[in-house]
PDB file of N, CA and C in Angstrom:
ATOM      1  N   UNK A   1      -4.420 -12.312 -22.799  1.00  0.00           N
ATOM      2  CA  UNK A   1      -3.511 -11.889 -21.950  1.00  0.00           C
ATOM      3  C   UNK A   1      -3.652 -12.340 -20.519  1.00  0.00           C
ATOM      4  N   UNK A   2      -2.660 -12.850 -19.945  1.00  0.00           N
ATOM      5  CA  UNK A   2      -2.646 -13.425 -18.628  1.00  0.00           C
ATOM      6  C   UNK A   2      -2.131 -12.234 -17.557  1.00  0.00           C
ATOM      7  N   UNK A   3      -3.143 -12.239 -16.382  1.00  0.00           N
ATOM      8  CA  UNK A   3      -2.648 -11.294 -15.554  1.00  0.00           C
ATOM      9  C   UNK A   3      -2.266 -12.041 -14.343  1.00  0.00           C
ATOM     10  N   UNK A   4      -1.139 -11.553 -13.794  1.00  0.00           N
ATOM     11  CA  UNK A   4      -0.624 -11.933 -12.342  1.00  0.00           C
ATOM     12  C   UNK A   4      -0.781 -10.898 -11.414  1.00  0.00           C
ATOM     13  N   UNK A   5      -1.815 -11.157 -10.584  1.00  0.00           N
ATOM     14  CA  UNK A   5      -2.182 -10.303  -9.469  1.00  0.00           C
ATOM     15  C   UNK A   5      -0.988 -10.097  -8.561  1.00  0.00           C
ATOM     16  N   UNK A   6      -0.786  -8.830  -8.223  1.00  0.00           N
ATOM     17  CA  UNK A   6       0.309  -8.407  -7.275  1.00  0.00           C
ATOM     18  C   UNK A   6      -0.022  -7.426  -6.323  1.00  0.00           C
ATOM     19  N   UNK A   7       0.575  -7.429  -5.125  1.00  0.00           N
ATOM     20  CA  UNK A   7       0.316  -6.448  -4.242  1.00  0.00           C
ATOM     21  C   UNK A   7       1.330  -5.291  -4.033  1.00  0.00           C
ATOM     22  N   UNK A   8       1.110  -4.042  -4.052  1.00  0.00           N
ATOM     23  CA  UNK A   8       2.035  -3.047  -3.749  1.00  0.00           C
ATOM     24  C   UNK A   8       1.889  -2.530  -2.328  1.00  0.00           C
ATOM     25  N   UNK A   9       2.950  -2.806  -1.534  1.00  0.00           N
ATOM     26  CA  UNK A   9       3.066  -2.470  -0.173  1.00  0.00           C
ATOM     27  C   UNK A   9       3.862  -1.290  -0.121  1.00  0.00           C
ATOM     28  N   UNK A  10       3.313  -0.327   0.712  1.00  0.00           N
ATOM     29  CA  UNK A  10       3.922   1.024   1.050  1.00  0.00           C
ATOM     30  C   UNK A  10       4.213   1.094   2.477  1.00  0.00           C
ATOM     31  N   UNK A  11       5.558   1.056   2.859  1.00  0.00           N
ATOM     32  CA  UNK A  11       6.055   1.262   4.301  1.00  0.00           C
ATOM     33  C   UNK A  11       6.677   2.464   4.520  1.00  0.00           C
ATOM     34  N   UNK A  12       6.298   3.199   5.663  1.00  0.00           N
ATOM     35  CA  UNK A  12       6.789   4.467   5.925  1.00  0.00           C
ATOM     36  C   UNK A  12       7.046   4.858   7.291  1.00  0.00           C
ATOM     37  N   UNK A  13       8.139   5.572   7.407  1.00  0.00           N
ATOM     38  CA  UNK A  13       8.513   6.148   8.781  1.00  0.00           C
ATOM     39  C   UNK A  13       8.603   7.620   8.678  1.00  0.00           C
ATOM     40  N   UNK A  14       7.684   8.494   9.014  1.00  0.00           N
ATOM     41  CA  UNK A  14       7.763   9.959   8.669  1.00  0.00           C
ATOM     42  C   UNK A  14       7.810  10.507  10.109  1.00  0.00           C
ATOM     43  N   UNK A  15       8.661  11.649  10.129  1.00  0.00           N
ATOM     44  CA  UNK A  15       8.815  12.403  11.372  1.00  0.00           C
ATOM     45  C   UNK A  15       7.479  13.229  11.648  1.00  0.00           C
ATOM     46  N   UNK A  16       7.189  13.343  12.893  1.00  0.00           N
ATOM     47  CA  UNK A  16       5.931  13.993  13.357  1.00  0.00           C
ATOM     48  C   UNK A  16       6.144  14.941  14.679  1.00  0.00           C
ATOM     49  N   UNK A  17       7.369  15.504  14.491  1.00  0.00           N
ATOM     50  CA  UNK A  17       7.785  16.383  15.689  1.00  0.00           C
ATOM     51  C   UNK A  17       7.330  17.797  15.630  1.00  0.00           C
ATOM     52  N   UNK A  18       7.054  18.386  14.396  1.00  0.00           N
ATOM     53  CA  UNK A  18       6.627  19.636  14.229  1.00  0.00           C
ATOM     54  C   UNK A  18       5.194  19.599  13.652  1.00  0.00           C
ATOM     55  N   UNK A  19       4.405  20.771  13.754  1.00  0.00           N
ATOM     56  CA  UNK A  19       3.120  20.783  13.130  1.00  0.00           C
ATOM     57  C   UNK A  19       3.096  20.598  11.714  1.00  0.00           C
ATOM     58  N   UNK A  20       4.089  21.136  10.978  1.00  0.00           N
ATOM     59  CA  UNK A  20       4.321  20.916   9.462  1.00  0.00           C
ATOM     60  C   UNK A  20       4.586  19.441   9.326  1.00  0.00           C
ATOM     61  N   UNK A  21       5.368  18.766  10.015  1.00  0.00           N
ATOM     62  CA  UNK A  21       5.634  17.267   9.737  1.00  0.00           C
ATOM     63  C   UNK A  21       4.348  16.544  10.030  1.00  0.00           C
ATOM     64  N   UNK A  22       3.583  16.782  11.031  1.00  0.00           N
ATOM     65  CA  UNK A  22       2.334  16.108  11.268  1.00  0.00           C
ATOM     66  C   UNK A  22       1.311  16.273  10.039  1.00  0.00           C
ATOM     67  N   UNK A  23       1.283  17.675   9.578  1.00  0.00           N
ATOM     68  CA  UNK A  23       0.247  17.854   8.537  1.00  0.00           C
ATOM     69  C   UNK A  23       0.908  17.200   7.251  1.00  0.00           C
ATOM     70  N   UNK A  24       2.071  16.966   6.975  1.00  0.00           N
ATOM     71  CA  UNK A  24       2.598  16.099   5.850  1.00  0.00           C
ATOM     72  C   UNK A  24       2.305  14.731   6.063  1.00  0.00           C
ATOM     73  N   UNK A  25       2.360  14.187   7.207  1.00  0.00           N
ATOM     74  CA  UNK A  25       2.006  12.832   7.616  1.00  0.00           C
ATOM     75  C   UNK A  25       0.438  12.467   7.211  1.00  0.00           C
ATOM     76  N   UNK A  26      -0.338  13.557   7.678  1.00  0.00           N
ATOM     77  CA  UNK A  26      -1.808  13.381   7.432  1.00  0.00           C
ATOM     78  C   UNK A  26      -2.143  13.387   5.879  1.00  0.00           C
ATOM     79  N   UNK A  27      -1.488  14.406   5.326  1.00  0.00           N
ATOM     80  CA  UNK A  27      -1.718  14.411   3.887  1.00  0.00           C
ATOM     81  C   UNK A  27      -1.307  13.144   3.064  1.00  0.00           C
ATOM     82  N   UNK A  28      -0.092  12.733   3.408  1.00  0.00           N
ATOM     83  CA  UNK A  28       0.297  11.456   2.728  1.00  0.00           C
ATOM     84  C   UNK A  28      -0.420  10.338   2.951  1.00  0.00           C
ATOM     85  N   UNK A  29      -0.947  10.068   4.236  1.00  0.00           N
ATOM     86  CA  UNK A  29      -1.894   9.005   4.717  1.00  0.00           C
ATOM     87  C   UNK A  29      -3.235   9.224   3.813  1.00  0.00           C
ATOM     88  N   UNK A  30      -3.672  10.401   3.871  1.00  0.00           N
ATOM     89  CA  UNK A  30      -4.905  10.534   3.178  1.00  0.00           C
ATOM     90  C   UNK A  30      -4.908  10.470   1.736  1.00  0.00           C
ATOM     91  N   UNK A  31      -3.623  10.828   1.082  1.00  0.00           N
ATOM     92  CA  UNK A  31      -3.452  10.430  -0.443  1.00  0.00           C
ATOM     93  C   UNK A  31      -3.405   9.011  -0.650  1.00  0.00           C
ATOM     94  N   UNK A  32      -2.660   8.178   0.298  1.00  0.00           N
ATOM     95  CA  UNK A  32      -2.645   6.692   0.142  1.00  0.00           C
ATOM     96  C   UNK A  32      -4.072   6.053   0.157  1.00  0.00           C
ATOM     97  N   UNK A  33      -4.912   6.445   0.948  1.00  0.00           N
ATOM     98  CA  UNK A  33      -6.246   6.042   1.135  1.00  0.00           C
ATOM     99  C   UNK A  33      -7.045   6.320  -0.156  1.00  0.00           C
ATOM    100  N   UNK A  34      -6.957   7.510  -0.619  1.00  0.00           N
ATOM    101  CA  UNK A  34      -7.599   7.901  -1.856  1.00  0.00           C
ATOM    102  C   UNK A  34      -7.127   7.213  -3.154  1.00  0.00           C
ATOM    103  N   UNK A  35      -5.955   6.661  -3.088  1.00  0.00           N
ATOM    104  CA  UNK A  35      -5.442   5.830  -4.157  1.00  0.00           C
ATOM    105  C   UNK A  35      -5.946   4.466  -3.955  1.00  0.00           C
ATOM    106  N   UNK A  36      -6.632   4.068  -2.923  1.00  0.00           N
ATOM    107  CA  UNK A  36      -7.193   2.731  -2.789  1.00  0.00           C
ATOM    108  C   UNK A  36      -6.341   1.821  -1.720  1.00  0.00           C
ATOM    109  N   UNK A  37      -5.351   2.388  -1.353  1.00  0.00           N
ATOM    110  CA  UNK A  37      -4.676   1.636  -0.325  1.00  0.00           C
ATOM    111  C   UNK A  37      -5.287   1.241   1.011  1.00  0.00           C
ATOM    112  N   UNK A  38      -5.032  -0.016   1.580  1.00  0.00           N
ATOM    113  CA  UNK A  38      -5.728  -0.207   2.993  1.00  0.00           C
ATOM    114  C   UNK A  38      -4.587  -0.431   3.900  1.00  0.00           C
ATOM    115  N   UNK A  39      -4.870  -0.007   5.018  1.00  0.00           N
ATOM    116  CA  UNK A  39      -3.821  -0.047   6.208  1.00  0.00           C
ATOM    117  C   UNK A  39      -3.957  -1.504   6.699  1.00  0.00           C
ATOM    118  N   UNK A  40      -2.799  -2.170   6.651  1.00  0.00           N
ATOM    119  CA  UNK A  40      -2.786  -3.589   7.297  1.00  0.00           C
ATOM    120  C   UNK A  40      -1.957  -3.599   8.675  1.00  0.00           C
ATOM    121  N   UNK A  41      -1.168  -2.390   8.962  1.00  0.00           N
ATOM    122  CA  UNK A  41      -0.653  -2.222  10.219  1.00  0.00           C
ATOM    123  C   UNK A  41      -0.300  -0.678  10.204  1.00  0.00           C
ATOM    124  N   UNK A  42       0.020  -0.080  11.420  1.00  0.00           N
ATOM    125  CA  UNK A  42       0.368   1.299  11.275  1.00  0.00           C
ATOM    126  C   UNK A  42       1.501   1.374  10.419  1.00  0.00           C
ATOM    127  N   UNK A  43       1.491   2.492   9.542  1.00  0.00           N
ATOM    128  CA  UNK A  43       2.551   2.734   8.611  1.00  0.00           C
ATOM    129  C   UNK A  43       2.833   1.654   7.535  1.00  0.00           C
ATOM    130  N   UNK A  44       1.915   0.776   7.449  1.00  0.00           N
ATOM    131  CA  UNK A  44       2.125  -0.202   6.405  1.00  0.00           C
ATOM    132  C   UNK A  44       0.762  -0.331   5.541  1.00  0.00           C
ATOM    133  N   UNK A  45       0.866  -0.043   4.230  1.00  0.00           N
ATOM    134  CA  UNK A  45      -0.438   0.093   3.483  1.00  0.00           C
ATOM    135  C   UNK A  45      -0.302  -0.821   2.176  1.00  0.00           C
ATOM    136  N   UNK A  46      -1.392  -1.410   1.655  1.00  0.00           N
ATOM    137  CA  UNK A  46      -1.129  -2.347   0.784  1.00  0.00           C
ATOM    138  C   UNK A  46      -2.407  -2.210  -0.320  1.00  0.00           C
ATOM    139  N   UNK A  47      -2.170  -2.398  -1.648  1.00  0.00           N
ATOM    140  CA  UNK A  47      -3.117  -2.318  -2.597  1.00  0.00           C
ATOM    141  C   UNK A  47      -2.914  -3.259  -3.618  1.00  0.00           C
ATOM    142  N   UNK A  48      -4.134  -3.836  -4.154  1.00  0.00           N
ATOM    143  CA  UNK A  48      -4.021  -5.019  -5.154  1.00  0.00           C
ATOM    144  C   UNK A  48      -3.858  -4.256  -6.613  1.00  0.00           C
ATOM    145  N   UNK A  49      -2.978  -4.790  -7.421  1.00  0.00           N
ATOM    146  CA  UNK A  49      -2.741  -4.280  -8.717  1.00  0.00           C
ATOM    147  C   UNK A  49      -2.888  -5.591  -9.636  1.00  0.00           C
ATOM    148  N   UNK A  50      -3.358  -5.214 -10.953  1.00  0.00           N
ATOM    149  CA  UNK A  50      -3.462  -6.375 -11.854  1.00  0.00           C
ATOM    150  C   UNK A  50      -2.300  -7.003 -12.331  1.00  0.00           C
ATOM    151  N   UNK A  51      -1.119  -6.513 -12.447  1.00  0.00           N
ATOM    152  CA  UNK A  51       0.099  -6.923 -12.771  1.00  0.00           C
ATOM    153  C   UNK A  51       1.153  -5.873 -12.390  1.00  0.00           C
ATOM    154  N   UNK A  52       2.574  -6.419 -12.635  1.00  0.00           N
ATOM    155  CA  UNK A  52       3.653  -5.755 -12.014  1.00  0.00           C
ATOM    156  C   UNK A  52       3.743  -4.272 -12.817  1.00  0.00           C
ATOM    157  N   UNK A  53       3.303  -4.131 -14.021  1.00  0.00           N
ATOM    158  CA  UNK A  53       3.328  -2.896 -14.709  1.00  0.00           C
ATOM    159  C   UNK A  53       2.316  -2.018 -14.177  1.00  0.00           C
ATOM    160  N   UNK A  54       1.077  -2.374 -13.762  1.00  0.00           N
ATOM    161  CA  UNK A  54       0.261  -1.569 -12.983  1.00  0.00           C
ATOM    162  C   UNK A  54       0.678  -1.026 -11.637  1.00  0.00           C
ATOM    163  N   UNK A  55       1.448  -2.151 -11.037  1.00  0.00           N
ATOM    164  CA  UNK A  55       1.978  -1.657  -9.725  1.00  0.00           C
ATOM    165  C   UNK A  55       3.089  -0.601  -9.798  1.00  0.00           C
ATOM    166  N   UNK A  56       3.987  -0.624 -10.897  1.00  0.00           N
ATOM    167  CA  UNK A  56       4.806   0.178 -11.110  1.00  0.00           C
ATOM    168  C   UNK A  56       4.349   1.519 -11.543  1.00  0.00           C
ATOM    169  N   UNK A  57       3.264   1.748 -12.124  1.00  0.00           N
ATOM    170  CA  UNK A  57       2.570   2.920 -12.274  1.00  0.00           C
ATOM    171  C   UNK A  57       1.987   3.488 -11.194  1.00  0.00           C
ATOM    172  N   UNK A  58       1.458   2.594 -10.257  1.00  0.00           N
ATOM    173  CA  UNK A  58       0.926   3.033  -9.045  1.00  0.00           C
ATOM    174  C   UNK A  58       2.127   3.600  -8.028  1.00  0.00           C
ATOM    175  N   UNK A  59       3.267   2.913  -8.068  1.00  0.00           N
ATOM    176  CA  UNK A  59       4.344   3.406  -7.360  1.00  0.00           C
ATOM    177  C   UNK A  59       4.733   4.688  -7.764  1.00  0.00           C
ATOM    178  N   UNK A  60       4.763   5.046  -9.115  1.00  0.00           N
ATOM    179  CA  UNK A  60       5.154   6.398  -9.571  1.00  0.00           C
ATOM    180  C   UNK A  60       4.198   7.332  -9.048  1.00  0.00           C
ATOM    181  N   UNK A  61       2.835   7.076  -8.910  1.00  0.00           N
ATOM    182  CA  UNK A  61       1.861   8.051  -8.539  1.00  0.00           C
ATOM    183  C   UNK A  61       2.033   8.281  -7.130  1.00  0.00           C
ATOM    184  N   UNK A  62       2.403   7.181  -6.179  1.00  0.00           N
ATOM    185  CA  UNK A  62       2.760   7.484  -4.880  1.00  0.00           C
ATOM    186  C   UNK A  62       3.863   8.322  -4.745  1.00  0.00           C
ATOM    187  N   UNK A  63       4.882   8.121  -5.591  1.00  0.00           N
ATOM    188  CA  UNK A  63       6.155   9.011  -5.527  1.00  0.00           C
ATOM    189  C   UNK A  63       5.992  10.332  -5.815  1.00  0.00           C
ATOM    190  N   UNK A  64       4.751  10.686  -6.463  1.00  0.00           N
ATOM    191  CA  UNK A  64       4.419  12.179  -6.610  1.00  0.00           C
ATOM    192  C   UNK A  64       4.026  12.973  -5.313  1.00  0.00           C
ATOM    193  N   UNK A  65       3.503  12.135  -4.289  1.00  0.00           N
ATOM    194  CA  UNK A  65       3.031  12.747  -3.134  1.00  0.00           C
ATOM    195  C   UNK A  65       3.689  12.396  -1.793  1.00  0.00           C
ATOM    196  N   UNK A  66       4.860  11.916  -2.060  1.00  0.00           N
ATOM    197  CA  UNK A  66       5.662  11.521  -0.798  1.00  0.00           C
ATOM    198  C   UNK A  66       6.270  12.863  -0.103  1.00  0.00           C
ATOM    199  N   UNK A  67       6.324  12.841   1.196  1.00  0.00           N
ATOM    200  CA  UNK A  67       6.802  14.046   1.962  1.00  0.00           C
ATOM    201  C   UNK A  67       8.255  14.243   1.710  1.00  0.00           C
ATOM    202  N   UNK A  68       8.758  15.395   1.947  1.00  0.00           N
ATOM    203  CA  UNK A  68      10.210  15.505   1.700  1.00  0.00           C
ATOM    204  C   UNK A  68      10.985  15.010   2.774  1.00  0.00           C
ATOM    205  N   UNK A  69      10.644  14.645   3.813  1.00  0.00           N
ATOM    206  CA  UNK A  69      11.514  14.167   4.958  1.00  0.00           C
ATOM    207  C   UNK A  69      10.894  12.788   5.393  1.00  0.00           C
ATOM    208  N   UNK A  70      11.746  11.952   5.864  1.00  0.00           N
ATOM    209  CA  UNK A  70      11.400  10.522   6.527  1.00  0.00           C
ATOM    210  C   UNK A  70      11.779   9.478   5.322  1.00  0.00           C
ATOM    211  N   UNK A  71      11.192   8.263   5.588  1.00  0.00           N
ATOM    212  CA  UNK A  71      11.537   7.069   4.955  1.00  0.00           C
ATOM    213  C   UNK A  71      10.278   6.552   4.249  1.00  0.00           C
ATOM    214  N   UNK A  72      10.188   6.338   3.115  1.00  0.00           N
ATOM    215  CA  UNK A  72       9.039   5.664   2.353  1.00  0.00           C
ATOM    216  C   UNK A  72       9.692   4.617   1.362  1.00  0.00           C
ATOM    217  N   UNK A  73       9.186   3.368   1.653  1.00  0.00           N
ATOM    218  CA  UNK A  73       9.605   2.234   0.885  1.00  0.00           C
ATOM    219  C   UNK A  73       8.456   1.511   0.303  1.00  0.00           C
ATOM    220  N   UNK A  74       8.622   0.880  -0.998  1.00  0.00           N
ATOM    221  CA  UNK A  74       7.516   0.229  -1.644  1.00  0.00           C
ATOM    222  C   UNK A  74       8.130  -1.324  -1.786  1.00  0.00           C
ATOM    223  N   UNK A  75       7.138  -2.237  -1.802  1.00  0.00           N
ATOM    224  CA  UNK A  75       7.545  -3.694  -2.272  1.00  0.00           C
ATOM    225  C   UNK A  75       6.563  -4.289  -3.094  1.00  0.00           C
ATOM    226  N   UNK A  76       6.653  -4.926  -4.108  1.00  0.00           N
ATOM    227  CA  UNK A  76       5.843  -5.663  -4.910  1.00  0.00           C
ATOM    228  C   UNK A  76       5.937  -7.179  -4.534  1.00  0.00           C
ATOM    229  N   UNK A  77       4.703  -7.733  -4.135  1.00  0.00           N
ATOM    230  CA  UNK A  77       4.721  -9.080  -3.918  1.00  0.00           C
ATOM    231  C   UNK A  77       3.540  -9.709  -4.672  1.00  0.00           C
ATOM    232  N   UNK A  78       3.708 -10.944  -5.145  1.00  0.00           N
ATOM    233  CA  UNK A  78       2.601 -11.651  -5.946  1.00  0.00           C
ATOM    234  C   UNK A  78       1.591 -12.024  -4.758  1.00  0.00           C
ATOM    235  N   UNK A  79       0.418 -12.232  -5.325  1.00  0.00           N
ATOM    236  CA  UNK A  79      -0.795 -12.631  -4.587  1.00  0.00           C
ATOM    237  C   UNK A  79      -0.290 -14.013  -3.650  1.00  0.00           C
ATOM    238  N   UNK A  80       0.295 -14.865  -4.325  1.00  0.00           N
ATOM    239  CA  UNK A  80       0.669 -16.272  -3.705  1.00  0.00           C
ATOM    240  C   UNK A  80       1.563 -15.771  -2.512  1.00  0.00           C
ATOM    241  N   UNK A  81       2.561 -14.969  -2.568  1.00  0.00           N
ATOM    242  CA  UNK A  81       3.409 -14.640  -1.691  1.00  0.00           C
ATOM    243  C   UNK A  81       2.753 -13.956  -0.575  1.00  0.00           C
ATOM    244  N   UNK A  82       1.824 -12.910  -0.833  1.00  0.00           N
ATOM    245  CA  UNK A  82       1.069 -12.270  -0.003  1.00  0.00           C
ATOM    246  C   UNK A  82       0.114 -13.242   0.943  1.00  0.00           C
ATOM    247  N   UNK A  83      -0.354 -14.109   0.354  1.00  0.00           N
ATOM    248  CA  UNK A  83      -1.356 -15.134   0.958  1.00  0.00           C
ATOM    249  C   UNK A  83      -0.513 -16.139   2.014  1.00  0.00           C
ATOM    250  N   UNK A  84       0.805 -16.092   1.624  1.00  0.00           N
ATOM    251  CA  UNK A  84       1.617 -17.112   2.629  1.00  0.00           C
ATOM    252  C   UNK A  84       2.016 -16.336   3.754  1.00  0.00           C
ATOM    253  N   UNK A  85       1.477 -15.053   4.033  1.00  0.00           N
ATOM    254  CA  UNK A  85       1.937 -14.235   5.242  1.00  0.00           C
ATOM    255  C   UNK A  85       1.468 -15.191   6.568  1.00  0.00           C
ATOM    256  N   UNK A  86       2.380 -15.094   7.483  1.00  0.00           N
ATOM    257  CA  UNK A  86       2.112 -15.782   8.681  1.00  0.00           C
ATOM    258  C   UNK A  86       1.742 -14.753   9.855  1.00  0.00           C
ATOM    259  N   UNK A  87       0.679 -15.102  10.593  1.00  0.00           N
ATOM    260  CA  UNK A  87       0.470 -14.121  11.666  1.00  0.00           C
ATOM    261  C   UNK A  87       0.840 -14.792  13.031  1.00  0.00           C
ATOM    262  N   UNK A  88       1.748 -14.234  13.608  1.00  0.00           N
ATOM    263  CA  UNK A  88       2.399 -14.761  14.811  1.00  0.00           C
ATOM    264  C   UNK A  88       1.487 -14.306  16.096  1.00  0.00           C
ATOM    265  N   UNK A  89       0.825 -13.171  15.959  1.00  0.00           N
ATOM    266  CA  UNK A  89      -0.056 -12.731  16.970  1.00  0.00           C
ATOM    267  C   UNK A  89      -1.091 -11.921  16.324  1.00  0.00           C
ATOM    268  N   UNK A  90      -2.431 -12.191  16.569  1.00  0.00           N
ATOM    269  CA  UNK A  90      -3.365 -11.328  15.960  1.00  0.00           C
ATOM    270  C   UNK A  90      -3.777 -12.238  14.836  1.00  0.00           C
ATOM    271  N   UNK A  91      -4.890 -11.587  14.122  1.00  0.00           N
ATOM    272  CA  UNK A  91      -5.581 -12.306  13.102  1.00  0.00           C
ATOM    273  C   UNK A  91      -5.721 -11.466  11.760  1.00  0.00           C
ATOM    274  N   UNK A  92      -5.858 -11.919  10.554  1.00  0.00           N
ATOM    275  CA  UNK A  92      -5.999 -11.307   9.351  1.00  0.00           C
ATOM    276  C   UNK A  92      -7.333 -10.552   9.334  1.00  0.00           C
ATOM    277  N   UNK A  93      -7.292  -9.490   8.746  1.00  0.00           N
ATOM    278  CA  UNK A  93      -8.560  -8.513   8.563  1.00  0.00           C
ATOM    279  C   UNK A  93      -9.269  -9.290   7.462  1.00  0.00           C
ATOM    280  N   UNK A  94     -10.677  -9.392   7.605  1.00  0.00           N
ATOM    281  CA  UNK A  94     -11.482 -10.149   6.685  1.00  0.00           C
ATOM    282  C   UNK A  94     -12.192  -8.987   5.884  1.00  0.00           C
ATOM    283  N   UNK A  95     -11.660  -7.843   5.751  1.00  0.00           N
ATOM    284  CA  UNK A  95     -12.182  -6.726   5.023  1.00  0.00           C
ATOM    285  C   UNK A  95     -12.393  -7.174   3.458  1.00  0.00           C
ATOM    286  N   UNK A  96     -13.513  -7.167   2.994  1.00  0.00           N
ATOM    287  CA  UNK A  96     -13.977  -7.448   1.773  1.00  0.00           C
ATOM    288  C   UNK A  96     -13.053  -6.628   0.499  1.00  0.00           C
ATOM    289  N   UNK A  97     -12.605  -5.499   0.836  1.00  0.00           N
ATOM    290  CA  UNK A  97     -11.756  -4.558   0.000  1.00  0.00           C
ATOM    291  C   UNK A  97     -10.517  -5.238   0.065  1.00  0.00           C
ATOM    292  N   UNK A  98      -9.938  -6.131   0.783  1.00  0.00           N
ATOM    293  CA  UNK A  98      -8.621  -6.645   0.884  1.00  0.00           C
ATOM    294  C   UNK A  98      -8.474  -8.031   0.116  1.00  0.00           C
ATOM    295  N   UNK A  99      -9.490  -8.337  -0.835  1.00  0.00           N
ATOM    296  CA  UNK A  99      -9.483  -9.614  -1.520  1.00  0.00           C
ATOM    297  C   UNK A  99      -9.234  -9.482  -2.995  1.00  0.00           C
ATOM    298  N   UNK A 100      -8.482 -10.331  -3.544  1.00  0.00           N
ATOM    299  CA  UNK A 100      -8.026 -10.122  -5.037  1.00  0.00           C
ATOM    300  C   UNK A 100      -9.084 -10.573  -5.912  1.00  0.00           C
ATOM    301  N   UNK A 101     -10.115 -11.274  -5.414  1.00  0.00           N
ATOM    302  CA  UNK A 101     -11.305 -11.719  -6.333  1.00  0.00           C
ATOM    303  C   UNK A 101     -12.281 -10.663  -6.501  1.00  0.00           C
ATOM    304  N   UNK A 102     -12.018  -9.334  -6.053  1.00  0.00           N
ATOM    305  CA  UNK A 102     -12.847  -8.418  -6.396  1.00  0.00           C
ATOM    306  C   UNK A 102     -12.240  -7.493  -7.500  1.00  0.00           C
ATOM    307  N   UNK A 103     -11.072  -7.847  -7.868  1.00  0.00           N
ATOM    308  CA  UNK A 103     -10.395  -7.123  -8.948  1.00  0.00           C
ATOM    309  C   UNK A 103     -11.063  -7.346 -10.215  1.00  0.00           C
ATOM    310  N   UNK A 104     -11.503  -6.420 -11.055  1.00  0.00           N
ATOM    311  CA  UNK A 104     -12.208  -6.580 -12.254  1.00  0.00           C
ATOM    312  C   UNK A 104     -11.225  -6.055 -13.287  1.00  0.00           C
ATOM    313  N   UNK A 105     -10.945  -6.798 -14.220  1.00  0.00           N
ATOM    314  CA  UNK A 105     -10.023  -6.484 -15.410  1.00  0.00           C
ATOM    315  C   UNK A 105     -10.930  -5.988 -16.704  1.00  0.00           C
ATOM    316  N   UNK A 106     -10.767  -4.733 -16.944  1.00  0.00           N
ATOM    317  CA  UNK A 106     -11.447  -4.236 -18.212  1.00  0.00           C
ATOM    318  C   UNK A 106     -10.580  -4.338 -19.411  1.00  0.00           C
TER     319      UNK A 106
END
């Protein structure tokens, strides 16, 4: 079986005007982190998946804990597409958790 590594990106814009909205934002962010997502920018999180089916399953899991209000979007990109990202200002994070060679397929 051939695996095509993909990245699932979650991008969101959530309201934080009331205490309840701020709590929903914090809970959503913590849930993303507990699912293994890494923050690449404010309100943009990414996680490595073994293939598009695994990414779709992960997307369904994220859908289970999205807040009621705001905007949450997902995007699947291949590892090759993700690697071709250009940095106009700043540099890439060299976090070891953000590398696809750490993916173990069982």
